[in-house]
Amino acid sequence: MSTAFDHARDPHDAAPAQQPHGTPGEAAWCAELDQLRAEVGQLRQAMKTRPVIDQARGMVMVLGPCSSQTAWEVLVEVSQHSNTKLRDVAEALVATATGESMPCPVGDALTGALRRLRTGGRQ
């Protein structure tokens, strides 16, 4: 008995005669492969930066004080207002625990966000 799965082909199994180079099918598979490679790269980067972002989130939760979700929103706001990547904001904040100073645009944005948080501008 034959099923739909029996007829499914892996793009790597296609013989050149069945799938000549440059066909629309091959182009679609190549585009999907490129997209998946980019996604894997982004996920790898996220896995590397996740710990420092979580540490910064915890620091904001203590400084706020606030919930984890609000701390995330504060970090995003600081990133946007200082025109700094979120992971760089997190690294700068975590580095202050060892005595490093925070870059002025990030520090100013964080100070403003925490002030709004403490005065009820956020939940």
PDB file of N, CA and C in Angstrom:
ATOM      1  N   MET A   1       0.840  -1.165   0.000  1.00  0.00           N
ATOM      2  CA  MET A   1       0.000   0.000   0.000  1.00  0.00           C
ATOM      3  C   MET A   1       0.894   1.239   0.000  1.00  0.00           C
ATOM      4  N   SER A   2       0.597   2.165  -0.842  1.00  0.00           N
ATOM      5  CA  SER A   2       1.400   3.365  -1.012  1.00  0.00           C
ATOM      6  C   SER A   2       0.757   4.525  -0.257  1.00  0.00           C
ATOM      7  N   THR A   3       1.585   5.344   0.406  1.00  0.00           N
ATOM      8  CA  THR A   3       1.078   6.516   1.119  1.00  0.00           C
ATOM      9  C   THR A   3       1.662   7.764   0.495  1.00  0.00           C
ATOM     10  N   ALA A   4       1.152   8.889   0.917  1.00  0.00           N
ATOM     11  CA  ALA A   4       1.668  10.165   0.414  1.00  0.00           C
ATOM     12  C   ALA A   4       3.131  10.324   0.796  1.00  0.00           C
ATOM     13  N   PHE A   5       3.516   9.747   1.946  1.00  0.00           N
ATOM     14  CA  PHE A   5       4.892   9.868   2.396  1.00  0.00           C
ATOM     15  C   PHE A   5       5.850   9.089   1.511  1.00  0.00           C
ATOM     16  N   ASP A   6       5.354   8.021   0.867  1.00  0.00           N
ATOM     17  CA  ASP A   6       6.204   7.234  -0.022  1.00  0.00           C
ATOM     18  C   ASP A   6       6.662   8.062  -1.213  1.00  0.00           C
ATOM     19  N   HIS A   7       5.867   9.024  -1.593  1.00  0.00           N
ATOM     20  CA  HIS A   7       6.161   9.813  -2.785  1.00  0.00           C
ATOM     21  C   HIS A   7       6.895  11.112  -2.480  1.00  0.00           C
ATOM     22  N   ALA A   8       7.000  11.440  -1.208  1.00  0.00           N
ATOM     23  CA  ALA A   8       7.715  12.665  -0.838  1.00  0.00           C
ATOM     24  C   ALA A   8       9.202  12.479  -1.125  1.00  0.00           C
ATOM     25  N   ARG A   9       9.826  13.493  -1.676  1.00  0.00           N
ATOM     26  CA  ARG A   9      11.245  13.400  -2.020  1.00  0.00           C
ATOM     27  C   ARG A   9      12.037  14.390  -1.203  1.00  0.00           C
ATOM     28  N   ASP A  10      13.176  13.950  -0.768  1.00  0.00           N
ATOM     29  CA  ASP A  10      14.154  14.828  -0.149  1.00  0.00           C
ATOM     30  C   ASP A  10      14.830  15.573  -1.296  1.00  0.00           C
ATOM     31  N   PRO A  11      15.006  16.892  -1.222  1.00  0.00           N
ATOM     32  CA  PRO A  11      15.615  17.624  -2.329  1.00  0.00           C
ATOM     33  C   PRO A  11      17.021  17.137  -2.648  1.00  0.00           C
ATOM     34  N   HIS A  12      17.681  16.547  -1.693  1.00  0.00           N
ATOM     35  CA  HIS A  12      19.038  16.060  -1.934  1.00  0.00           C
ATOM     36  C   HIS A  12      19.042  14.744  -2.699  1.00  0.00           C
ATOM     37  N   ASP A  13      17.888  14.056  -2.730  1.00  0.00           N
ATOM     38  CA  ASP A  13      17.789  12.777  -3.427  1.00  0.00           C
ATOM     39  C   ASP A  13      17.494  12.942  -4.907  1.00  0.00           C
ATOM     40  N   ALA A  14      17.107  14.119  -5.340  1.00  0.00           N
ATOM     41  CA  ALA A  14      16.718  14.319  -6.735  1.00  0.00           C
ATOM     42  C   ALA A  14      17.922  14.125  -7.645  1.00  0.00           C
ATOM     43  N   ALA A  15      17.741  13.326  -8.642  1.00  0.00           N
ATOM     44  CA  ALA A  15      18.812  13.093  -9.622  1.00  0.00           C
ATOM     45  C   ALA A  15      18.894  14.287 -10.557  1.00  0.00           C
ATOM     46  N   PRO A  16      20.078  14.596 -11.091  1.00  0.00           N
ATOM     47  CA  PRO A  16      20.209  15.747 -11.983  1.00  0.00           C
ATOM     48  C   PRO A  16      19.250  15.696 -13.169  1.00  0.00           C
ATOM     49  N   ALA A  17      18.941  14.509 -13.662  1.00  0.00           N
ATOM     50  CA  ALA A  17      18.026  14.417 -14.801  1.00  0.00           C
ATOM     51  C   ALA A  17      16.617  14.823 -14.399  1.00  0.00           C
ATOM     52  N   GLN A  18      16.245  14.548 -13.151  1.00  0.00           N
ATOM     53  CA  GLN A  18      14.913  14.898 -12.687  1.00  0.00           C
ATOM     54  C   GLN A  18      14.831  16.364 -12.265  1.00  0.00           C
ATOM     55  N   GLN A  19      15.904  16.871 -11.776  1.00  0.00           N
ATOM     56  CA  GLN A  19      15.907  18.220 -11.222  1.00  0.00           C
ATOM     57  C   GLN A  19      17.144  18.952 -11.720  1.00  0.00           C
ATOM     58  N   PRO A  20      17.146  19.370 -12.986  1.00  0.00           N
ATOM     59  CA  PRO A  20      18.333  20.035 -13.518  1.00  0.00           C
ATOM     60  C   PRO A  20      18.650  21.307 -12.748  1.00  0.00           C
ATOM     61  N   HIS A  21      19.939  21.631 -12.739  1.00  0.00           N
ATOM     62  CA  HIS A  21      20.408  22.827 -12.041  1.00  0.00           C
ATOM     63  C   HIS A  21      19.668  24.050 -12.541  1.00  0.00           C
ATOM     64  N   GLY A  22      19.193  24.854 -11.622  1.00  0.00           N
ATOM     65  CA  GLY A  22      18.569  26.116 -11.983  1.00  0.00           C
ATOM     66  C   GLY A  22      17.071  26.038 -12.186  1.00  0.00           C
ATOM     67  N   THR A  23      16.442  24.927 -11.875  1.00  0.00           N
ATOM     68  CA  THR A  23      14.994  24.842 -12.045  1.00  0.00           C
ATOM     69  C   THR A  23      14.307  25.588 -10.916  1.00  0.00           C
ATOM     70  N   PRO A  24      13.042  25.922 -11.114  1.00  0.00           N
ATOM     71  CA  PRO A  24      12.314  26.612 -10.042  1.00  0.00           C
ATOM     72  C   PRO A  24      12.287  25.808  -8.746  1.00  0.00           C
ATOM     73  N   GLY A  25      12.171  24.478  -8.852  1.00  0.00           N
ATOM     74  CA  GLY A  25      12.164  23.647  -7.647  1.00  0.00           C
ATOM     75  C   GLY A  25      13.478  23.744  -6.891  1.00  0.00           C
ATOM     76  N   GLU A  26      14.576  23.700  -7.619  1.00  0.00           N
ATOM     77  CA  GLU A  26      15.892  23.799  -6.981  1.00  0.00           C
ATOM     78  C   GLU A  26      16.094  25.195  -6.396  1.00  0.00           C
ATOM     79  N   ALA A  27      15.643  26.198  -7.103  1.00  0.00           N
ATOM     80  CA  ALA A  27      15.771  27.570  -6.600  1.00  0.00           C
ATOM     81  C   ALA A  27      14.987  27.735  -5.303  1.00  0.00           C
ATOM     82  N   ALA A  28      13.813  27.120  -5.222  1.00  0.00           N
ATOM     83  CA  ALA A  28      13.000  27.214  -4.012  1.00  0.00           C
ATOM     84  C   ALA A  28      13.700  26.520  -2.842  1.00  0.00           C
ATOM     85  N   TRP A  29      14.269  25.338  -3.104  1.00  0.00           N
ATOM     86  CA  TRP A  29      14.988  24.626  -2.050  1.00  0.00           C
ATOM     87  C   TRP A  29      16.215  25.414  -1.600  1.00  0.00           C
ATOM     88  N   CYS A  30      16.906  26.016  -2.531  1.00  0.00           N
ATOM     89  CA  CYS A  30      18.089  26.820  -2.183  1.00  0.00           C
ATOM     90  C   CYS A  30      17.692  28.032  -1.350  1.00  0.00           C
ATOM     91  N   ALA A  31      16.588  28.664  -1.720  1.00  0.00           N
ATOM     92  CA  ALA A  31      16.115  29.818  -0.962  1.00  0.00           C
ATOM     93  C   ALA A  31      15.726  29.400   0.452  1.00  0.00           C
ATOM     94  N   GLU A  32      15.057  28.262   0.571  1.00  0.00           N
ATOM     95  CA  GLU A  32      14.665  27.770   1.890  1.00  0.00           C
ATOM     96  C   GLU A  32      15.905  27.408   2.714  1.00  0.00           C
ATOM     97  N   LEU A  33      16.896  26.796   2.079  1.00  0.00           N
ATOM     98  CA  LEU A  33      18.135  26.447   2.766  1.00  0.00           C
ATOM     99  C   LEU A  33      18.835  27.702   3.275  1.00  0.00           C
ATOM    100  N   ASP A  34      18.899  28.741   2.443  1.00  0.00           N
ATOM    101  CA  ASP A  34      19.513  30.010   2.866  1.00  0.00           C
ATOM    102  C   ASP A  34      18.769  30.606   4.058  1.00  0.00           C
ATOM    103  N   GLN A  35      17.434  30.543   3.990  1.00  0.00           N
ATOM    104  CA  GLN A  35      16.617  31.078   5.081  1.00  0.00           C
ATOM    105  C   GLN A  35      16.864  30.289   6.368  1.00  0.00           C
ATOM    106  N   LEU A  36      16.936  28.982   6.259  1.00  0.00           N
ATOM    107  CA  LEU A  36      17.178  28.145   7.442  1.00  0.00           C
ATOM    108  C   LEU A  36      18.573  28.372   8.014  1.00  0.00           C
ATOM    109  N   ARG A  37      19.554  28.555   7.145  1.00  0.00           N
ATOM    110  CA  ARG A  37      20.907  28.847   7.629  1.00  0.00           C
ATOM    111  C   ARG A  37      20.941  30.165   8.390  1.00  0.00           C
ATOM    112  N   ALA A  38      20.250  31.168   7.868  1.00  0.00           N
ATOM    113  CA  ALA A  38      20.190  32.466   8.551  1.00  0.00           C
ATOM    114  C   ALA A  38      19.503  32.320   9.905  1.00  0.00           C
ATOM    115  N   GLU A  39      18.427  31.547   9.926  1.00  0.00           N
ATOM    116  CA  GLU A  39      17.698  31.343  11.177  1.00  0.00           C
ATOM    117  C   GLU A  39      18.568  30.615  12.205  1.00  0.00           C
ATOM    118  N   VAL A  40      19.310  29.614  11.778  1.00  0.00           N
ATOM    119  CA  VAL A  40      20.208  28.893  12.680  1.00  0.00           C
ATOM    120  C   VAL A  40      21.265  29.850  13.235  1.00  0.00           C
ATOM    121  N   GLY A  41      21.800  30.713  12.390  1.00  0.00           N
ATOM    122  CA  GLY A  41      22.784  31.693  12.849  1.00  0.00           C
ATOM    123  C   GLY A  41      22.199  32.627  13.894  1.00  0.00           C
ATOM    124  N   GLN A  42      20.963  33.064  13.667  1.00  0.00           N
ATOM    125  CA  GLN A  42      20.308  33.954  14.627  1.00  0.00           C
ATOM    126  C   GLN A  42      20.042  33.230  15.946  1.00  0.00           C
ATOM    127  N   LEU A  43      19.639  31.970  15.855  1.00  0.00           N
ATOM    128  CA  LEU A  43      19.379  31.198  17.067  1.00  0.00           C
ATOM    129  C   LEU A  43      20.666  30.941  17.850  1.00  0.00           C
ATOM    130  N   ARG A  44      21.741  30.675  17.145  1.00  0.00           N
ATOM    131  CA  ARG A  44      23.033  30.489  17.821  1.00  0.00           C
ATOM    132  C   ARG A  44      23.452  31.761  18.546  1.00  0.00           C
ATOM    133  N   GLN A  45      23.270  32.897  17.888  1.00  0.00           N
ATOM    134  CA  GLN A  45      23.604  34.179  18.515  1.00  0.00           C
ATOM    135  C   GLN A  45      22.726  34.420  19.739  1.00  0.00           C
ATOM    136  N   ALA A  46      21.449  34.096  19.620  1.00  0.00           N
ATOM    137  CA  ALA A  46      20.533  34.273  20.748  1.00  0.00           C
ATOM    138  C   ALA A  46      20.938  33.395  21.927  1.00  0.00           C
ATOM    139  N   MET A  47      21.359  32.173  21.640  1.00  0.00           N
ATOM    140  CA  MET A  47      21.791  31.272  22.711  1.00  0.00           C
ATOM    141  C   MET A  47      23.043  31.799  23.413  1.00  0.00           C
ATOM    142  N   LYS A  48      23.918  32.444  22.673  1.00  0.00           N
ATOM    143  CA  LYS A  48      25.130  33.011  23.279  1.00  0.00           C
ATOM    144  C   LYS A  48      24.804  34.211  24.162  1.00  0.00           C
ATOM    145  N   THR A  49      23.870  35.041  23.722  1.00  0.00           N
ATOM    146  CA  THR A  49      23.592  36.289  24.429  1.00  0.00           C
ATOM    147  C   THR A  49      22.501  36.142  25.485  1.00  0.00           C
ATOM    148  N   ARG A  50      21.775  35.056  25.489  1.00  0.00           N
ATOM    149  CA  ARG A  50      20.665  34.878  26.419  1.00  0.00           C
ATOM    150  C   ARG A  50      21.083  35.008  27.883  1.00  0.00           C
ATOM    151  N   PRO A  51      22.188  34.382  28.314  1.00  0.00           N
ATOM    152  CA  PRO A  51      22.554  34.492  29.734  1.00  0.00           C
ATOM    153  C   PRO A  51      22.773  35.931  30.193  1.00  0.00           C
ATOM    154  N   VAL A  52      23.473  36.737  29.426  1.00  0.00           N
ATOM    155  CA  VAL A  52      23.744  38.115  29.850  1.00  0.00           C
ATOM    156  C   VAL A  52      22.457  38.934  29.823  1.00  0.00           C
ATOM    157  N   ILE A  53      21.575  38.657  28.880  1.00  0.00           N
ATOM    158  CA  ILE A  53      20.290  39.370  28.845  1.00  0.00           C
ATOM    159  C   ILE A  53      19.462  38.993  30.067  1.00  0.00           C
ATOM    160  N   ASP A  54      19.469  37.715  30.433  1.00  0.00           N
ATOM    161  CA  ASP A  54      18.734  37.290  31.631  1.00  0.00           C
ATOM    162  C   ASP A  54      19.325  37.910  32.898  1.00  0.00           C
ATOM    163  N   GLN A  55      20.655  38.041  32.959  1.00  0.00           N
ATOM    164  CA  GLN A  55      21.283  38.692  34.114  1.00  0.00           C
ATOM    165  C   GLN A  55      20.856  40.155  34.194  1.00  0.00           C
ATOM    166  N   ALA A  56      20.876  40.832  33.059  1.00  0.00           N
ATOM    167  CA  ALA A  56      20.467  42.244  33.034  1.00  0.00           C
ATOM    168  C   ALA A  56      18.998  42.378  33.412  1.00  0.00           C
ATOM    169  N   ARG A  57      18.204  41.457  32.952  1.00  0.00           N
ATOM    170  CA  ARG A  57      16.781  41.470  33.293  1.00  0.00           C
ATOM    171  C   ARG A  57      16.611  41.362  34.809  1.00  0.00           C
ATOM    172  N   GLY A  58      17.371  40.469  35.422  1.00  0.00           N
ATOM    173  CA  GLY A  58      17.316  40.336  36.878  1.00  0.00           C
ATOM    174  C   GLY A  58      17.758  41.604  37.592  1.00  0.00           C
ATOM    175  N   MET A  59      18.774  42.253  37.053  1.00  0.00           N
ATOM    176  CA  MET A  59      19.243  43.501  37.662  1.00  0.00           C
ATOM    177  C   MET A  59      18.159  44.569  37.588  1.00  0.00           C
ATOM    178  N   VAL A  60      17.480  44.666  36.454  1.00  0.00           N
ATOM    179  CA  VAL A  60      16.398  45.652  36.307  1.00  0.00           C
ATOM    180  C   VAL A  60      15.254  45.307  37.255  1.00  0.00           C
ATOM    181  N   MET A  61      14.985  44.009  37.442  1.00  0.00           N
ATOM    182  CA  MET A  61      13.919  43.606  38.361  1.00  0.00           C
ATOM    183  C   MET A  61      14.216  44.089  39.787  1.00  0.00           C
ATOM    184  N   VAL A  62      15.484  44.035  40.186  1.00  0.00           N
ATOM    185  CA  VAL A  62      15.874  44.501  41.521  1.00  0.00           C
ATOM    186  C   VAL A  62      15.852  46.025  41.579  1.00  0.00           C
ATOM    187  N   LEU A  63      16.373  46.666  40.551  1.00  0.00           N
ATOM    188  CA  LEU A  63      16.436  48.130  40.534  1.00  0.00           C
ATOM    189  C   LEU A  63      15.057  48.762  40.448  1.00  0.00           C
ATOM    190  N   GLY A  64      14.118  48.073  39.781  1.00  0.00           N
ATOM    191  CA  GLY A  64      12.785  48.619  39.512  1.00  0.00           C
ATOM    192  C   GLY A  64      12.006  49.006  40.753  1.00  0.00           C
ATOM    193  N   PRO A  65      11.665  48.161  41.607  1.00  0.00           N
ATOM    194  CA  PRO A  65      11.458  46.732  41.400  1.00  0.00           C
ATOM    195  C   PRO A  65      10.279  46.507  40.457  1.00  0.00           C
ATOM    196  N   CYS A  66      10.369  45.382  39.734  1.00  0.00           N
ATOM    197  CA  CYS A  66       9.340  45.105  38.738  1.00  0.00           C
ATOM    198  C   CYS A  66       9.336  43.626  38.387  1.00  0.00           C
ATOM    199  N   SER A  67       8.366  43.255  37.573  1.00  0.00           N
ATOM    200  CA  SER A  67       8.241  41.872  37.115  1.00  0.00           C
ATOM    201  C   SER A  67       9.265  41.594  36.021  1.00  0.00           C
ATOM    202  N   SER A  68       9.411  40.336  35.717  1.00  0.00           N
ATOM    203  CA  SER A  68      10.320  39.920  34.649  1.00  0.00           C
ATOM    204  C   SER A  68       9.900  40.518  33.304  1.00  0.00           C
ATOM    205  N   GLN A  69       8.613  40.515  33.027  1.00  0.00           N
ATOM    206  CA  GLN A  69       8.113  41.067  31.764  1.00  0.00           C
ATOM    207  C   GLN A  69       8.384  42.570  31.681  1.00  0.00           C
ATOM    208  N   THR A  70       8.153  43.267  32.763  1.00  0.00           N
ATOM    209  CA  THR A  70       8.416  44.713  32.769  1.00  0.00           C
ATOM    210  C   THR A  70       9.903  44.982  32.610  1.00  0.00           C
ATOM    211  N   ALA A  71      10.737  44.164  33.242  1.00  0.00           N
ATOM    212  CA  ALA A  71      12.189  44.335  33.097  1.00  0.00           C
ATOM    213  C   ALA A  71      12.595  44.161  31.637  1.00  0.00           C
ATOM    214  N   TRP A  72      12.000  43.195  30.967  1.00  0.00           N
ATOM    215  CA  TRP A  72      12.268  42.993  29.534  1.00  0.00           C
ATOM    216  C   TRP A  72      11.877  44.249  28.759  1.00  0.00           C
ATOM    217  N   GLU A  73      10.708  44.781  29.045  1.00  0.00           N
ATOM    218  CA  GLU A  73      10.228  45.978  28.356  1.00  0.00           C
ATOM    219  C   GLU A  73      11.158  47.166  28.608  1.00  0.00           C
ATOM    220  N   VAL A  74      11.688  47.272  29.819  1.00  0.00           N
ATOM    221  CA  VAL A  74      12.646  48.342  30.142  1.00  0.00           C
ATOM    222  C   VAL A  74      13.896  48.184  29.286  1.00  0.00           C
ATOM    223  N   LEU A  75      14.424  46.973  29.195  1.00  0.00           N
ATOM    224  CA  LEU A  75      15.633  46.749  28.381  1.00  0.00           C
ATOM    225  C   LEU A  75      15.376  47.069  26.913  1.00  0.00           C
ATOM    226  N   VAL A  76      14.223  46.691  26.418  1.00  0.00           N
ATOM    227  CA  VAL A  76      13.882  47.003  25.021  1.00  0.00           C
ATOM    228  C   VAL A  76      13.790  48.511  24.826  1.00  0.00           C
ATOM    229  N   GLU A  77      13.142  49.186  25.770  1.00  0.00           N
ATOM    230  CA  GLU A  77      13.020  50.648  25.693  1.00  0.00           C
ATOM    231  C   GLU A  77      14.396  51.318  25.708  1.00  0.00           C
ATOM    232  N   VAL A  78      15.260  50.864  26.602  1.00  0.00           N
ATOM    233  CA  VAL A  78      16.610  51.437  26.692  1.00  0.00           C
ATOM    234  C   VAL A  78      17.352  51.204  25.377  1.00  0.00           C
ATOM    235  N   SER A  79      17.209  50.021  24.836  1.00  0.00           N
ATOM    236  CA  SER A  79      17.850  49.704  23.561  1.00  0.00           C
ATOM    237  C   SER A  79      17.376  50.646  22.455  1.00  0.00           C
ATOM    238  N   GLN A  80      16.082  50.841  22.393  1.00  0.00           N
ATOM    239  CA  GLN A  80      15.521  51.700  21.350  1.00  0.00           C
ATOM    240  C   GLN A  80      15.899  53.162  21.548  1.00  0.00           C
ATOM    241  N   HIS A  81      15.815  53.639  22.781  1.00  0.00           N
ATOM    242  CA  HIS A  81      16.089  55.055  23.043  1.00  0.00           C
ATOM    243  C   HIS A  81      17.567  55.415  22.964  1.00  0.00           C
ATOM    244  N   SER A  82      18.429  54.435  23.167  1.00  0.00           N
ATOM    245  CA  SER A  82      19.864  54.706  23.084  1.00  0.00           C
ATOM    246  C   SER A  82      20.450  54.265  21.745  1.00  0.00           C
ATOM    247  N   ASN A  83      19.589  53.691  20.896  1.00  0.00           N
ATOM    248  CA  ASN A  83      20.027  53.184  19.584  1.00  0.00           C
ATOM    249  C   ASN A  83      21.193  52.198  19.751  1.00  0.00           C
ATOM    250  N   THR A  84      20.995  51.269  20.690  1.00  0.00           N
ATOM    251  CA  THR A  84      22.012  50.280  21.037  1.00  0.00           C
ATOM    252  C   THR A  84      21.366  48.906  20.996  1.00  0.00           C
ATOM    253  N   LYS A  85      22.072  47.934  20.464  1.00  0.00           N
ATOM    254  CA  LYS A  85      21.523  46.577  20.427  1.00  0.00           C
ATOM    255  C   LYS A  85      21.226  46.110  21.847  1.00  0.00           C
ATOM    256  N   LEU A  86      20.158  45.356  21.980  1.00  0.00           N
ATOM    257  CA  LEU A  86      19.724  44.883  23.287  1.00  0.00           C
ATOM    258  C   LEU A  86      20.826  44.114  24.002  1.00  0.00           C
ATOM    259  N   ARG A  87      21.530  43.253  23.286  1.00  0.00           N
ATOM    260  CA  ARG A  87      22.601  42.479  23.943  1.00  0.00           C
ATOM    261  C   ARG A  87      23.708  43.401  24.446  1.00  0.00           C
ATOM    262  N   ASP A  88      23.970  44.516  23.731  1.00  0.00           N
ATOM    263  CA  ASP A  88      24.987  45.474  24.182  1.00  0.00           C
ATOM    264  C   ASP A  88      24.518  46.246  25.415  1.00  0.00           C
ATOM    265  N   VAL A  89      23.218  46.549  25.459  1.00  0.00           N
ATOM    266  CA  VAL A  89      22.651  47.184  26.654  1.00  0.00           C
ATOM    267  C   VAL A  89      22.824  46.248  27.845  1.00  0.00           C
ATOM    268  N   ALA A  90      22.475  44.977  27.639  1.00  0.00           N
ATOM    269  CA  ALA A  90      22.585  43.990  28.712  1.00  0.00           C
ATOM    270  C   ALA A  90      24.033  43.832  29.173  1.00  0.00           C
ATOM    271  N   GLU A  91      24.951  43.728  28.228  1.00  0.00           N
ATOM    272  CA  GLU A  91      26.372  43.589  28.584  1.00  0.00           C
ATOM    273  C   GLU A  91      26.859  44.799  29.371  1.00  0.00           C
ATOM    274  N   ALA A  92      26.441  45.995  28.964  1.00  0.00           N
ATOM    275  CA  ALA A  92      26.865  47.216  29.664  1.00  0.00           C
ATOM    276  C   ALA A  92      26.315  47.246  31.083  1.00  0.00           C
ATOM    277  N   LEU A  93      25.055  46.848  31.247  1.00  0.00           N
ATOM    278  CA  LEU A  93      24.454  46.852  32.572  1.00  0.00           C
ATOM    279  C   LEU A  93      25.128  45.818  33.472  1.00  0.00           C
ATOM    280  N   VAL A  94      25.329  44.618  32.979  1.00  0.00           N
ATOM    281  CA  VAL A  94      25.966  43.564  33.775  1.00  0.00           C
ATOM    282  C   VAL A  94      27.400  43.959  34.128  1.00  0.00           C
ATOM    283  N   ALA A  95      28.088  44.629  33.234  1.00  0.00           N
ATOM    284  CA  ALA A  95      29.474  45.044  33.488  1.00  0.00           C
ATOM    285  C   ALA A  95      29.565  46.048  34.633  1.00  0.00           C
ATOM    286  N   THR A  96      28.484  46.768  34.904  1.00  0.00           N
ATOM    287  CA  THR A  96      28.525  47.719  36.021  1.00  0.00           C
ATOM    288  C   THR A  96      28.686  47.009  37.360  1.00  0.00           C
ATOM    289  N   ALA A  97      28.329  45.730  37.417  1.00  0.00           N
ATOM    290  CA  ALA A  97      28.480  44.963  38.665  1.00  0.00           C
ATOM    291  C   ALA A  97      29.946  44.751  39.019  1.00  0.00           C
ATOM    292  N   THR A  98      30.828  44.874  38.025  1.00  0.00           N
ATOM    293  CA  THR A  98      32.266  44.719  38.288  1.00  0.00           C
ATOM    294  C   THR A  98      32.985  46.059  38.246  1.00  0.00           C
ATOM    295  N   GLY A  99      32.215  47.152  38.315  1.00  0.00           N
ATOM    296  CA  GLY A  99      32.812  48.471  38.417  1.00  0.00           C
ATOM    297  C   GLY A  99      32.986  49.227  37.120  1.00  0.00           C
ATOM    298  N   GLU A 100      32.605  48.635  36.010  1.00  0.00           N
ATOM    299  CA  GLU A 100      32.726  49.362  34.738  1.00  0.00           C
ATOM    300  C   GLU A 100      31.626  50.409  34.644  1.00  0.00           C
ATOM    301  N   SER A 101      31.934  51.492  33.946  1.00  0.00           N
ATOM    302  CA  SER A 101      30.920  52.525  33.776  1.00  0.00           C
ATOM    303  C   SER A 101      30.084  52.229  32.538  1.00  0.00           C
ATOM    304  N   MET A 102      28.854  52.669  32.598  1.00  0.00           N
ATOM    305  CA  MET A 102      27.925  52.449  31.494  1.00  0.00           C
ATOM    306  C   MET A 102      28.058  53.581  30.491  1.00  0.00           C
ATOM    307  N   PRO A 103      28.032  53.282  29.185  1.00  0.00           N
ATOM    308  CA  PRO A 103      28.070  54.350  28.179  1.00  0.00           C
ATOM    309  C   PRO A 103      26.930  55.348  28.419  1.00  0.00           C
ATOM    310  N   CYS A 104      27.207  56.618  28.224  1.00  0.00           N
ATOM    311  CA  CYS A 104      26.230  57.671  28.526  1.00  0.00           C
ATOM    312  C   CYS A 104      24.857  57.475  27.877  1.00  0.00           C
ATOM    313  N   PRO A 105      24.774  57.187  26.571  1.00  0.00           N
ATOM    314  CA  PRO A 105      23.427  57.049  26.002  1.00  0.00           C
ATOM    315  C   PRO A 105      22.630  55.924  26.659  1.00  0.00           C
ATOM    316  N   VAL A 106      23.294  54.824  26.969  1.00  0.00           N
ATOM    317  CA  VAL A 106      22.610  53.696  27.602  1.00  0.00           C
ATOM    318  C   VAL A 106      22.243  54.059  29.044  1.00  0.00           C
ATOM    319  N   GLY A 107      23.175  54.654  29.761  1.00  0.00           N
ATOM    320  CA  GLY A 107      22.913  55.057  31.141  1.00  0.00           C
ATOM    321  C   GLY A 107      21.785  56.059  31.248  1.00  0.00           C
ATOM    322  N   ASP A 108      21.788  57.043  30.365  1.00  0.00           N
ATOM    323  CA  ASP A 108      20.721  58.057  30.384  1.00  0.00           C
ATOM    324  C   ASP A 108      19.360  57.428  30.095  1.00  0.00           C
ATOM    325  N   ALA A 109      19.318  56.539  29.108  1.00  0.00           N
ATOM    326  CA  ALA A 109      18.057  55.884  28.755  1.00  0.00           C
ATOM    327  C   ALA A 109      17.580  54.983  29.892  1.00  0.00           C
ATOM    328  N   LEU A 110      18.515  54.275  30.540  1.00  0.00           N
ATOM    329  CA  LEU A 110      18.146  53.404  31.661  1.00  0.00           C
ATOM    330  C   LEU A 110      17.648  54.231  32.843  1.00  0.00           C
ATOM    331  N   THR A 111      18.329  55.318  33.142  1.00  0.00           N
ATOM    332  CA  THR A 111      17.904  56.189  34.245  1.00  0.00           C
ATOM    333  C   THR A 111      16.483  56.689  34.013  1.00  0.00           C
ATOM    334  N   GLY A 112      16.213  57.127  32.794  1.00  0.00           N
ATOM    335  CA  GLY A 112      14.865  57.613  32.472  1.00  0.00           C
ATOM    336  C   GLY A 112      13.820  56.522  32.572  1.00  0.00           C
ATOM    337  N   ALA A 113      14.141  55.346  32.067  1.00  0.00           N
ATOM    338  CA  ALA A 113      13.190  54.233  32.108  1.00  0.00           C
ATOM    339  C   ALA A 113      12.910  53.814  33.555  1.00  0.00           C
ATOM    340  N   LEU A 114      13.947  53.748  34.382  1.00  0.00           N
ATOM    341  CA  LEU A 114      13.746  53.378  35.784  1.00  0.00           C
ATOM    342  C   LEU A 114      12.972  54.447  36.544  1.00  0.00           C
ATOM    343  N   ARG A 115      13.215  55.704  36.215  1.00  0.00           N
ATOM    344  CA  ARG A 115      12.478  56.800  36.863  1.00  0.00           C
ATOM    345  C   ARG A 115      10.988  56.679  36.536  1.00  0.00           C
ATOM    346  N   ARG A 116      10.680  56.428  35.259  1.00  0.00           N
ATOM    347  CA  ARG A 116       9.272  56.277  34.863  1.00  0.00           C
ATOM    348  C   ARG A 116       8.652  55.056  35.548  1.00  0.00           C
ATOM    349  N   LEU A 117       9.427  54.015  35.675  1.00  0.00           N
ATOM    350  CA  LEU A 117       8.939  52.795  36.317  1.00  0.00           C
ATOM    351  C   LEU A 117       8.587  53.057  37.784  1.00  0.00           C
ATOM    352  N   ARG A 118       9.475  53.740  38.467  1.00  0.00           N
ATOM    353  CA  ARG A 118       9.272  54.007  39.908  1.00  0.00           C
ATOM    354  C   ARG A 118       8.160  55.001  40.187  1.00  0.00           C
ATOM    355  N   THR A 119       7.891  55.883  39.235  1.00  0.00           N
ATOM    356  CA  THR A 119       6.838  56.894  39.457  1.00  0.00           C
ATOM    357  C   THR A 119       5.500  56.464  38.892  1.00  0.00           C
ATOM    358  N   GLY A 120       5.410  55.211  38.463  1.00  0.00           N
ATOM    359  CA  GLY A 120       4.119  54.701  38.011  1.00  0.00           C
ATOM    360  C   GLY A 120       3.861  54.835  36.540  1.00  0.00           C
ATOM    361  N   GLY A 121       4.884  55.173  35.765  1.00  0.00           N
ATOM    362  CA  GLY A 121       4.700  55.260  34.317  1.00  0.00           C
ATOM    363  C   GLY A 121       4.583  53.894  33.658  1.00  0.00           C
ATOM    364  N   ARG A 122       4.837  52.851  34.408  1.00  0.00           N
ATOM    365  CA  ARG A 122       4.740  51.451  33.950  1.00  0.00           C
ATOM    366  C   ARG A 122       4.094  50.615  35.034  1.00  0.00           C
ATOM    367  N   GLN A 123       3.731  49.430  34.644  1.00  0.00           N
ATOM    368  CA  GLN A 123       3.184  48.486  35.632  1.00  0.00           C
ATOM    369  C   GLN A 123       4.189  47.434  35.951  1.00  0.00           C
TER     370      GLN A 123
END
